[in-house]
Amino acid sequence: MAYNGWTNYETWNVALWIGNDEGLYHEARRCNSYETFVQRMKDLAEDCGDTSGIAYQTPDGVAWNDSGLDTDELDNMLTEL
């Protein structure tokens, strides 16, 4: 079911956080795909010793690797950044 112009709530929520959190935005701009962004978040978590939190999910609790995400739509969003 579509949500605010996105495929679903999960995709919208991830896009919302990437587009509106300065740190996430800058990390996303360094990535050529959403898959790369997710891996970058995991790498940053390991570097910092973080095993929870923003490295694995949005502050609203949607996992960066949620099975419901439309990664093609998120790839397009990253391209537009």
C-alpha atoms as a PDB file:
ATOM      1  CA  MET A   1       0.000   0.000   0.000  1.00  0.00           C
ATOM      2  CA  ALA A   2       1.431   3.380  -1.033  1.00  0.00           C
ATOM      3  CA  TYR A   3       2.405   5.826   1.694  1.00  0.00           C
ATOM      4  CA  ASN A   4       2.977   9.551   1.116  1.00  0.00           C
ATOM      5  CA  GLY A   5       3.976   8.926  -2.491  1.00  0.00           C
ATOM      6  CA  TRP A   6       6.350   6.064  -1.639  1.00  0.00           C
ATOM      7  CA  THR A   7       5.819   2.322  -2.092  1.00  0.00           C
ATOM      8  CA  ASN A   8       5.090   1.761   1.610  1.00  0.00           C
ATOM      9  CA  TYR A   9       5.642   3.150   5.101  1.00  0.00           C
ATOM     10  CA  GLU A  10       9.038   1.484   5.512  1.00  0.00           C
ATOM     11  CA  THR A  11      10.454   2.944   2.301  1.00  0.00           C
ATOM     12  CA  TRP A  12       8.998   6.367   3.106  1.00  0.00           C
ATOM     13  CA  ASN A  13      10.451   6.289   6.641  1.00  0.00           C
ATOM     14  CA  VAL A  14      13.947   5.374   5.463  1.00  0.00           C
ATOM     15  CA  ALA A  15      13.831   8.047   2.750  1.00  0.00           C
ATOM     16  CA  LEU A  16      12.530  10.589   5.267  1.00  0.00           C
ATOM     17  CA  TRP A  17      15.422  10.009   7.655  1.00  0.00           C
ATOM     18  CA  ILE A  18      18.075   9.990   4.939  1.00  0.00           C
ATOM     19  CA  GLY A  19      16.691  13.199   3.483  1.00  0.00           C
ATOM     20  CA  ASN A  20      16.226  15.035   6.771  1.00  0.00           C
ATOM     21  CA  ASP A  21      19.099  13.965   9.029  1.00  0.00           C
ATOM     22  CA  GLU A  22      22.287  15.802   8.147  1.00  0.00           C
ATOM     23  CA  GLY A  23      24.639  12.957   9.055  1.00  0.00           C
ATOM     24  CA  LEU A  24      22.614  10.301   7.226  1.00  0.00           C
ATOM     25  CA  TYR A  25      22.235  12.606   4.240  1.00  0.00           C
ATOM     26  CA  HIS A  26      25.988  13.121   3.934  1.00  0.00           C
ATOM     27  CA  GLU A  27      26.668   9.387   4.286  1.00  0.00           C
ATOM     28  CA  ALA A  28      24.032   8.590   1.649  1.00  0.00           C
ATOM     29  CA  ARG A  29      25.577  11.079  -0.778  1.00  0.00           C
ATOM     30  CA  ARG A  30      28.818   9.109  -0.598  1.00  0.00           C
ATOM     31  CA  CYS A  31      27.037   5.928  -1.731  1.00  0.00           C
ATOM     32  CA  ASN A  32      26.186   4.842  -5.257  1.00  0.00           C
ATOM     33  CA  SER A  33      23.369   2.513  -4.156  1.00  0.00           C
ATOM     34  CA  TYR A  34      21.119   1.860  -1.194  1.00  0.00           C
ATOM     35  CA  GLU A  35      22.907  -1.460  -0.620  1.00  0.00           C
ATOM     36  CA  THR A  36      26.182   0.458  -0.301  1.00  0.00           C
ATOM     37  CA  PHE A  37      24.539   2.835   2.192  1.00  0.00           C
ATOM     38  CA  VAL A  38      23.383  -0.082   4.372  1.00  0.00           C
ATOM     39  CA  GLN A  39      26.870  -1.597   4.315  1.00  0.00           C
ATOM     40  CA  ARG A  40      28.394   1.797   5.122  1.00  0.00           C
ATOM     41  CA  MET A  41      26.136   2.108   8.161  1.00  0.00           C
ATOM     42  CA  LYS A  42      27.247  -1.340   9.386  1.00  0.00           C
ATOM     43  CA  ASP A  43      30.907  -0.467   8.822  1.00  0.00           C
ATOM     44  CA  LEU A  44      30.540   2.780  10.755  1.00  0.00           C
ATOM     45  CA  ALA A  45      28.888   0.899  13.614  1.00  0.00           C
ATOM     46  CA  GLU A  46      31.763  -1.567  13.772  1.00  0.00           C
ATOM     47  CA  ASP A  47      34.316   1.242  13.693  1.00  0.00           C
ATOM     48  CA  CYS A  48      32.570   2.942  16.626  1.00  0.00           C
ATOM     49  CA  GLY A  49      31.747  -0.227  18.558  1.00  0.00           C
ATOM     50  CA  ASP A  50      28.026   0.497  18.205  1.00  0.00           C
ATOM     51  CA  THR A  51      25.902  -2.656  18.147  1.00  0.00           C
ATOM     52  CA  SER A  52      22.504  -0.987  18.104  1.00  0.00           C
ATOM     53  CA  GLY A  53      20.814   2.259  17.255  1.00  0.00           C
ATOM     54  CA  ILE A  54      21.079   4.327  14.084  1.00  0.00           C
ATOM     55  CA  ALA A  55      23.568   1.941  12.476  1.00  0.00           C
ATOM     56  CA  TYR A  56      20.845  -0.679  12.079  1.00  0.00           C
ATOM     57  CA  GLN A  57      17.561   1.210  11.921  1.00  0.00           C
ATOM     58  CA  THR A  58      15.921   4.591  11.670  1.00  0.00           C
ATOM     59  CA  PRO A  59      15.088   6.351  14.938  1.00  0.00           C
ATOM     60  CA  ASP A  60      11.494   5.220  14.263  1.00  0.00           C
ATOM     61  CA  GLY A  61      12.580   1.571  14.332  1.00  0.00           C
ATOM     62  CA  VAL A  62      12.549   0.653  10.634  1.00  0.00           C
ATOM     63  CA  ALA A  63      15.565  -1.552   9.890  1.00  0.00           C
ATOM     64  CA  TRP A  64      17.832  -0.329   7.108  1.00  0.00           C
ATOM     65  CA  ASN A  65      17.541  -3.847   5.652  1.00  0.00           C
ATOM     66  CA  ASP A  66      13.790  -4.321   6.229  1.00  0.00           C
ATOM     67  CA  SER A  67      12.410  -6.876   3.778  1.00  0.00           C
ATOM     68  CA  GLY A  68       9.571  -4.526   2.801  1.00  0.00           C
ATOM     69  CA  LEU A  69      11.839  -1.762   1.494  1.00  0.00           C
ATOM     70  CA  ASP A  70      11.650  -0.853  -2.173  1.00  0.00           C
ATOM     71  CA  THR A  71      15.393  -0.654  -2.745  1.00  0.00           C
ATOM     72  CA  ASP A  72      14.960   0.379  -6.378  1.00  0.00           C
ATOM     73  CA  GLU A  73      13.008   3.414  -5.219  1.00  0.00           C
ATOM     74  CA  LEU A  74      15.677   4.173  -2.606  1.00  0.00           C
ATOM     75  CA  ASP A  75      18.420   3.788  -5.238  1.00  0.00           C
ATOM     76  CA  ASN A  76      16.612   6.409  -7.340  1.00  0.00           C
ATOM     77  CA  MET A  77      16.393   8.722  -4.341  1.00  0.00           C
ATOM     78  CA  LEU A  78      20.140   8.361  -3.699  1.00  0.00           C
ATOM     79  CA  THR A  79      20.869   9.152  -7.334  1.00  0.00           C
ATOM     80  CA  GLU A  80      18.908  12.389  -6.976  1.00  0.00           C
ATOM     81  CA  LEU A  81      20.881  13.442  -3.884  1.00  0.00           C
END
